[in-house]
Amino acid sequence: MSDEEYSVLVVDDEARLADLFAAWIQTERAVETAYDGETALEKMTDAVEVVLLDRRMPGLSGDEVLEEIRETGYDCRVVMVTALDPDFDIIEMGFDDYLVKPVSKDELLEMIDSVTDRSDYESDIQEYYSLVSKKALLESEKAERELENNDEYLDLVDRVEELRAQVDETVAGMTSHDDFVGAFQDLQSEN
């Protein structure tokens, strides 16, 4: 465990971009940067609340870093911040949200706040929020025919519906299901 406690870890092999993101974030939160996957894993601690993770990096890819973070059991939110357009492979990935570069300062800070707020919710809500985000992302990127013919997507839709009843009960005092869906549509339309 590092002596320095930070809540956001920015992981990107483009050092100038990682440093820019860190400069934006440091006005609101403690932040650390890593320019490759190996260093990111070395810098992971229980104090990290949010990891901003590029997918395409030499050595350990962002996908591999994400898998290792989840297998190790760190309780943090992971946002993929990448130039890679999402594809159906995102359904099985353990990230909490996905931003496609280029990303503005406001988008980045809002996303960090959003996923940090999710940490307060129960695990069903976290899973639901993540799955609805993936569903909305795929629906914004894929043709309806592609979606209708993809078993993984259809399973995702079923799981979202299954969790909705559990989540509605849990968040009844906070907000409605439509507010969650609206929030995701707003996030997707900004990208």
C-alpha atoms as a PDB file:
ATOM      1  CA  MET A   1       0.000   0.000   0.000  1.00  0.00           C
ATOM      2  CA  SER A   2       1.312   3.402  -0.983  1.00  0.00           C
ATOM      3  CA  ASP A   3       1.952   6.064   1.644  1.00  0.00           C
ATOM      4  CA  GLU A   4       0.182   8.566  -0.580  1.00  0.00           C
ATOM      5  CA  GLU A   5      -3.577   8.033  -0.686  1.00  0.00           C
ATOM      6  CA  TYR A   6      -5.301   9.003  -3.917  1.00  0.00           C
ATOM      7  CA  SER A   7      -8.822   8.409  -5.057  1.00  0.00           C
ATOM      8  CA  VAL A   8      -8.451   8.492  -8.854  1.00  0.00           C
ATOM      9  CA  LEU A   9      -5.928   6.549 -10.930  1.00  0.00           C
ATOM     10  CA  VAL A  10      -5.530   7.663 -14.563  1.00  0.00           C
ATOM     11  CA  VAL A  11      -4.070   4.935 -16.793  1.00  0.00           C
ATOM     12  CA  ASP A  12      -3.114   5.868 -20.360  1.00  0.00           C
ATOM     13  CA  ASP A  13       0.006   5.173 -22.427  1.00  0.00           C
ATOM     14  CA  GLU A  14      -0.301   8.670 -23.926  1.00  0.00           C
ATOM     15  CA  ALA A  15       1.560  10.436 -21.110  1.00  0.00           C
ATOM     16  CA  ARG A  16       0.518  13.946 -22.152  1.00  0.00           C
ATOM     17  CA  LEU A  17      -3.158  12.947 -22.149  1.00  0.00           C
ATOM     18  CA  ALA A  18      -2.874  11.139 -18.804  1.00  0.00           C
ATOM     19  CA  ASP A  19      -1.183  14.215 -17.332  1.00  0.00           C
ATOM     20  CA  LEU A  20      -3.896  16.493 -18.765  1.00  0.00           C
ATOM     21  CA  PHE A  21      -6.642  14.341 -17.225  1.00  0.00           C
ATOM     22  CA  ALA A  22      -4.758  14.360 -13.911  1.00  0.00           C
ATOM     23  CA  ALA A  23      -4.445  18.161 -14.016  1.00  0.00           C
ATOM     24  CA  TRP A  24      -8.202  18.470 -14.570  1.00  0.00           C
ATOM     25  CA  ILE A  25      -8.982  16.075 -11.723  1.00  0.00           C
ATOM     26  CA  GLN A  26      -6.471  17.288  -9.116  1.00  0.00           C
ATOM     27  CA  THR A  27      -8.495  20.438  -8.425  1.00  0.00           C
ATOM     28  CA  GLU A  28     -11.260  18.215  -6.991  1.00  0.00           C
ATOM     29  CA  ARG A  29      -9.648  14.915  -5.968  1.00  0.00           C
ATOM     30  CA  ALA A  30      -6.326  13.322  -5.181  1.00  0.00           C
ATOM     31  CA  VAL A  31      -5.045  11.702  -8.391  1.00  0.00           C
ATOM     32  CA  GLU A  32      -2.186   9.516  -9.599  1.00  0.00           C
ATOM     33  CA  THR A  33      -1.135   8.558 -13.135  1.00  0.00           C
ATOM     34  CA  ALA A  34       0.244   5.404 -14.712  1.00  0.00           C
ATOM     35  CA  TYR A  35       1.489   5.241 -18.296  1.00  0.00           C
ATOM     36  CA  ASP A  36       1.199   1.473 -18.718  1.00  0.00           C
ATOM     37  CA  GLY A  37      -0.764  -1.453 -17.366  1.00  0.00           C
ATOM     38  CA  GLU A  38       2.003  -2.889 -15.209  1.00  0.00           C
ATOM     39  CA  THR A  39       2.520   0.413 -13.396  1.00  0.00           C
ATOM     40  CA  ALA A  40      -1.246   0.792 -12.969  1.00  0.00           C
ATOM     41  CA  LEU A  41      -1.433  -2.526 -11.129  1.00  0.00           C
ATOM     42  CA  GLU A  42       1.542  -1.549  -8.946  1.00  0.00           C
ATOM     43  CA  LYS A  43      -0.234   1.695  -8.000  1.00  0.00           C
ATOM     44  CA  MET A  44      -3.575   0.046  -7.191  1.00  0.00           C
ATOM     45  CA  THR A  45      -4.534   0.339  -3.526  1.00  0.00           C
ATOM     46  CA  ASP A  46      -7.756   0.080  -1.559  1.00  0.00           C
ATOM     47  CA  ALA A  47      -7.788   3.894  -1.509  1.00  0.00           C
ATOM     48  CA  VAL A  48      -8.451   4.081  -5.262  1.00  0.00           C
ATOM     49  CA  GLU A  49     -12.127   4.883  -5.809  1.00  0.00           C
ATOM     50  CA  VAL A  50     -12.075   5.401  -9.592  1.00  0.00           C
ATOM     51  CA  VAL A  51      -9.771   4.107 -12.331  1.00  0.00           C
ATOM     52  CA  LEU A  52      -9.854   5.884 -15.697  1.00  0.00           C
ATOM     53  CA  LEU A  53      -8.488   3.219 -18.015  1.00  0.00           C
ATOM     54  CA  ASP A  54      -7.440   3.306 -21.664  1.00  0.00           C
ATOM     55  CA  ARG A  55      -8.195   0.033 -23.482  1.00  0.00           C
ATOM     56  CA  ARG A  56      -5.443  -0.001 -26.108  1.00  0.00           C
ATOM     57  CA  MET A  57      -1.984   0.089 -24.536  1.00  0.00           C
ATOM     58  CA  PRO A  58       1.251  -1.771 -25.295  1.00  0.00           C
ATOM     59  CA  GLY A  59       2.149  -4.544 -22.856  1.00  0.00           C
ATOM     60  CA  LEU A  60      -0.842  -5.131 -20.598  1.00  0.00           C
ATOM     61  CA  SER A  61      -3.926  -3.814 -22.354  1.00  0.00           C
ATOM     62  CA  GLY A  62      -6.619  -1.917 -20.496  1.00  0.00           C
ATOM     63  CA  ASP A  63      -8.867  -4.966 -20.834  1.00  0.00           C
ATOM     64  CA  GLU A  64      -6.227  -7.102 -19.059  1.00  0.00           C
ATOM     65  CA  VAL A  65      -5.700  -4.464 -16.347  1.00  0.00           C
ATOM     66  CA  LEU A  66      -9.471  -4.342 -15.776  1.00  0.00           C
ATOM     67  CA  GLU A  67      -9.621  -8.122 -15.475  1.00  0.00           C
ATOM     68  CA  GLU A  68      -6.768  -8.120 -12.943  1.00  0.00           C
ATOM     69  CA  ILE A  69      -8.369  -5.320 -10.894  1.00  0.00           C
ATOM     70  CA  ARG A  70     -11.604  -7.312 -10.662  1.00  0.00           C
ATOM     71  CA  GLU A  71      -9.872 -10.659  -9.961  1.00  0.00           C
ATOM     72  CA  THR A  72      -7.823  -9.061  -7.185  1.00  0.00           C
ATOM     73  CA  GLY A  73     -11.034  -7.817  -5.603  1.00  0.00           C
ATOM     74  CA  TYR A  74     -10.467  -4.064  -5.525  1.00  0.00           C
ATOM     75  CA  ASP A  75     -13.717  -2.275  -4.721  1.00  0.00           C
ATOM     76  CA  CYS A  76     -13.398   0.612  -7.160  1.00  0.00           C
ATOM     77  CA  ARG A  77     -15.259   1.983 -10.135  1.00  0.00           C
ATOM     78  CA  VAL A  78     -13.571   1.576 -13.518  1.00  0.00           C
ATOM     79  CA  VAL A  79     -14.337   3.879 -16.444  1.00  0.00           C
ATOM     80  CA  MET A  80     -12.899   2.922 -19.804  1.00  0.00           C
ATOM     81  CA  VAL A  81     -11.711   6.158 -21.465  1.00  0.00           C
ATOM     82  CA  THR A  82     -10.638   5.123 -24.912  1.00  0.00           C
ATOM     83  CA  ALA A  83     -10.652   5.869 -28.626  1.00  0.00           C
ATOM     84  CA  LEU A  84     -12.018   2.357 -29.287  1.00  0.00           C
ATOM     85  CA  ASP A  85     -15.665   2.370 -30.288  1.00  0.00           C
ATOM     86  CA  PRO A  86     -17.610  -0.120 -28.177  1.00  0.00           C
ATOM     87  CA  ASP A  87     -18.553  -3.517 -29.574  1.00  0.00           C
ATOM     88  CA  PHE A  88     -20.443  -6.493 -28.183  1.00  0.00           C
ATOM     89  CA  ASP A  89     -17.344  -7.581 -26.208  1.00  0.00           C
ATOM     90  CA  ILE A  90     -18.174  -4.868 -23.638  1.00  0.00           C
ATOM     91  CA  ILE A  91     -21.115  -6.909 -22.313  1.00  0.00           C
ATOM     92  CA  GLU A  92     -18.862  -9.314 -20.409  1.00  0.00           C
ATOM     93  CA  MET A  93     -16.374  -6.676 -19.249  1.00  0.00           C
ATOM     94  CA  GLY A  94     -16.369  -5.543 -15.619  1.00  0.00           C
ATOM     95  CA  PHE A  95     -16.221  -1.785 -16.117  1.00  0.00           C
ATOM     96  CA  ASP A  96     -18.751   0.686 -14.730  1.00  0.00           C
ATOM     97  CA  ASP A  97     -18.937   3.110 -17.629  1.00  0.00           C
ATOM     98  CA  TYR A  98     -17.323   3.934 -20.962  1.00  0.00           C
ATOM     99  CA  LEU A  99     -16.228   7.231 -22.496  1.00  0.00           C
ATOM    100  CA  VAL A 100     -15.064   7.514 -26.099  1.00  0.00           C
ATOM    101  CA  LYS A 101     -12.211   9.983 -26.673  1.00  0.00           C
ATOM    102  CA  PRO A 102     -11.994  12.872 -27.157  1.00  0.00           C
ATOM    103  CA  VAL A 103     -13.349  13.732 -23.714  1.00  0.00           C
ATOM    104  CA  SER A 104     -13.880  17.220 -22.313  1.00  0.00           C
ATOM    105  CA  LYS A 105     -12.934  18.273 -18.791  1.00  0.00           C
ATOM    106  CA  ASP A 106     -16.609  18.600 -17.829  1.00  0.00           C
ATOM    107  CA  GLU A 107     -17.469  15.129 -19.190  1.00  0.00           C
ATOM    108  CA  LEU A 108     -14.571  13.568 -17.307  1.00  0.00           C
ATOM    109  CA  LEU A 109     -15.351  15.252 -13.983  1.00  0.00           C
ATOM    110  CA  GLU A 110     -19.075  14.514 -14.287  1.00  0.00           C
ATOM    111  CA  MET A 111     -18.328  10.858 -15.006  1.00  0.00           C
ATOM    112  CA  ILE A 112     -16.057  10.590 -11.951  1.00  0.00           C
ATOM    113  CA  ASP A 113     -18.763  12.150  -9.772  1.00  0.00           C
ATOM    114  CA  SER A 114     -21.401   9.872 -11.269  1.00  0.00           C
ATOM    115  CA  VAL A 115     -19.526   6.611 -10.726  1.00  0.00           C
ATOM    116  CA  THR A 116     -18.389   7.702  -7.262  1.00  0.00           C
ATOM    117  CA  ASP A 117     -22.009   8.343  -6.296  1.00  0.00           C
ATOM    118  CA  ARG A 118     -22.834   4.824  -7.451  1.00  0.00           C
ATOM    119  CA  SER A 119     -20.502   3.433  -4.786  1.00  0.00           C
ATOM    120  CA  ASP A 120     -23.139   4.397  -2.254  1.00  0.00           C
ATOM    121  CA  TYR A 121     -25.715   2.106  -3.856  1.00  0.00           C
ATOM    122  CA  GLU A 122     -26.225  -1.574  -3.160  1.00  0.00           C
ATOM    123  CA  SER A 123     -24.614  -4.143  -5.457  1.00  0.00           C
ATOM    124  CA  ASP A 124     -27.831  -4.774  -7.408  1.00  0.00           C
ATOM    125  CA  ILE A 125     -28.042  -1.101  -8.223  1.00  0.00           C
ATOM    126  CA  GLN A 126     -24.394  -0.986  -9.299  1.00  0.00           C
ATOM    127  CA  GLU A 127     -24.892  -3.982 -11.589  1.00  0.00           C
ATOM    128  CA  TYR A 128     -28.128  -2.539 -12.968  1.00  0.00           C
ATOM    129  CA  TYR A 129     -26.548   0.864 -13.627  1.00  0.00           C
ATOM    130  CA  SER A 130     -23.605  -0.755 -15.398  1.00  0.00           C
ATOM    131  CA  LEU A 131     -25.820  -3.029 -17.534  1.00  0.00           C
ATOM    132  CA  VAL A 132     -28.204  -0.220 -18.508  1.00  0.00           C
ATOM    133  CA  SER A 133     -25.167   1.849 -19.527  1.00  0.00           C
ATOM    134  CA  LYS A 134     -23.848  -0.984 -21.707  1.00  0.00           C
ATOM    135  CA  LYS A 135     -27.308  -1.519 -23.218  1.00  0.00           C
ATOM    136  CA  ALA A 136     -27.684   2.187 -24.047  1.00  0.00           C
ATOM    137  CA  LEU A 137     -24.165   2.311 -25.468  1.00  0.00           C
ATOM    138  CA  LEU A 138     -24.769  -0.664 -27.755  1.00  0.00           C
ATOM    139  CA  GLU A 139     -28.146   0.721 -28.832  1.00  0.00           C
ATOM    140  CA  SER A 140     -26.492   4.008 -29.798  1.00  0.00           C
ATOM    141  CA  GLU A 141     -23.728   2.264 -31.800  1.00  0.00           C
ATOM    142  CA  LYS A 142     -25.359  -0.801 -33.374  1.00  0.00           C
ATOM    143  CA  ALA A 143     -28.158  -1.266 -35.917  1.00  0.00           C
ATOM    144  CA  GLU A 144     -31.444  -2.664 -34.570  1.00  0.00           C
ATOM    145  CA  ARG A 145     -31.089  -5.789 -36.746  1.00  0.00           C
ATOM    146  CA  GLU A 146     -27.629  -6.495 -35.272  1.00  0.00           C
ATOM    147  CA  LEU A 147     -29.022  -6.157 -31.761  1.00  0.00           C
ATOM    148  CA  GLU A 148     -32.010  -8.413 -32.438  1.00  0.00           C
ATOM    149  CA  ASN A 149     -29.727 -11.158 -33.780  1.00  0.00           C
ATOM    150  CA  ASN A 150     -27.155 -11.105 -30.973  1.00  0.00           C
ATOM    151  CA  ASP A 151     -27.747 -13.600 -28.138  1.00  0.00           C
ATOM    152  CA  GLU A 152     -25.413 -11.758 -25.744  1.00  0.00           C
ATOM    153  CA  TYR A 153     -27.393  -8.548 -26.233  1.00  0.00           C
ATOM    154  CA  LEU A 154     -30.727 -10.352 -25.762  1.00  0.00           C
ATOM    155  CA  ASP A 155     -29.407 -11.911 -22.525  1.00  0.00           C
ATOM    156  CA  LEU A 156     -28.313  -8.431 -21.434  1.00  0.00           C
ATOM    157  CA  VAL A 157     -31.844  -7.082 -22.053  1.00  0.00           C
ATOM    158  CA  ASP A 158     -33.323  -9.953 -20.004  1.00  0.00           C
ATOM    159  CA  ARG A 159     -30.898  -9.326 -17.120  1.00  0.00           C
ATOM    160  CA  VAL A 160     -31.708  -5.582 -17.144  1.00  0.00           C
ATOM    161  CA  GLU A 161     -35.421  -6.374 -16.891  1.00  0.00           C
ATOM    162  CA  GLU A 162     -34.760  -8.887 -14.103  1.00  0.00           C
ATOM    163  CA  LEU A 163     -32.774  -6.373 -12.070  1.00  0.00           C
ATOM    164  CA  ARG A 164     -35.232  -3.532 -12.679  1.00  0.00           C
ATOM    165  CA  ALA A 165     -37.753  -4.860 -10.150  1.00  0.00           C
ATOM    166  CA  GLN A 166     -35.058  -5.242  -7.484  1.00  0.00           C
ATOM    167  CA  VAL A 167     -33.613  -1.829  -8.225  1.00  0.00           C
ATOM    168  CA  ASP A 168     -36.970  -0.057  -8.350  1.00  0.00           C
ATOM    169  CA  GLU A 169     -37.672  -1.217  -4.831  1.00  0.00           C
ATOM    170  CA  THR A 170     -34.251  -0.145  -3.576  1.00  0.00           C
ATOM    171  CA  VAL A 171     -34.215   3.297  -5.160  1.00  0.00           C
ATOM    172  CA  ALA A 172     -37.910   4.142  -4.766  1.00  0.00           C
ATOM    173  CA  GLY A 173     -36.993   6.848  -2.280  1.00  0.00           C
ATOM    174  CA  MET A 174     -34.179   8.241  -4.419  1.00  0.00           C
ATOM    175  CA  THR A 175     -35.440   8.377  -7.992  1.00  0.00           C
ATOM    176  CA  SER A 176     -37.474   6.506 -10.589  1.00  0.00           C
ATOM    177  CA  HIS A 177     -36.319   4.025 -13.202  1.00  0.00           C
ATOM    178  CA  ASP A 178     -37.072   6.595 -15.899  1.00  0.00           C
ATOM    179  CA  ASP A 179     -34.609   9.011 -14.277  1.00  0.00           C
ATOM    180  CA  PHE A 180     -31.882   6.357 -14.507  1.00  0.00           C
ATOM    181  CA  VAL A 181     -32.665   5.698 -18.161  1.00  0.00           C
ATOM    182  CA  GLY A 182     -32.795   9.436 -18.851  1.00  0.00           C
ATOM    183  CA  ALA A 183     -29.423   9.931 -17.207  1.00  0.00           C
ATOM    184  CA  PHE A 184     -27.870   7.290 -19.448  1.00  0.00           C
ATOM    185  CA  GLN A 185     -29.458   8.771 -22.557  1.00  0.00           C
ATOM    186  CA  ASP A 186     -28.045  12.168 -21.574  1.00  0.00           C
ATOM    187  CA  LEU A 187     -24.594  10.655 -21.056  1.00  0.00           C
ATOM    188  CA  GLN A 188     -24.713   8.876 -24.416  1.00  0.00           C
ATOM    189  CA  SER A 189     -25.926  11.931 -26.316  1.00  0.00           C
ATOM    190  CA  GLU A 190     -22.976  13.954 -24.947  1.00  0.00           C
ATOM    191  CA  ASN A 191     -20.437  11.503 -26.406  1.00  0.00           C
END
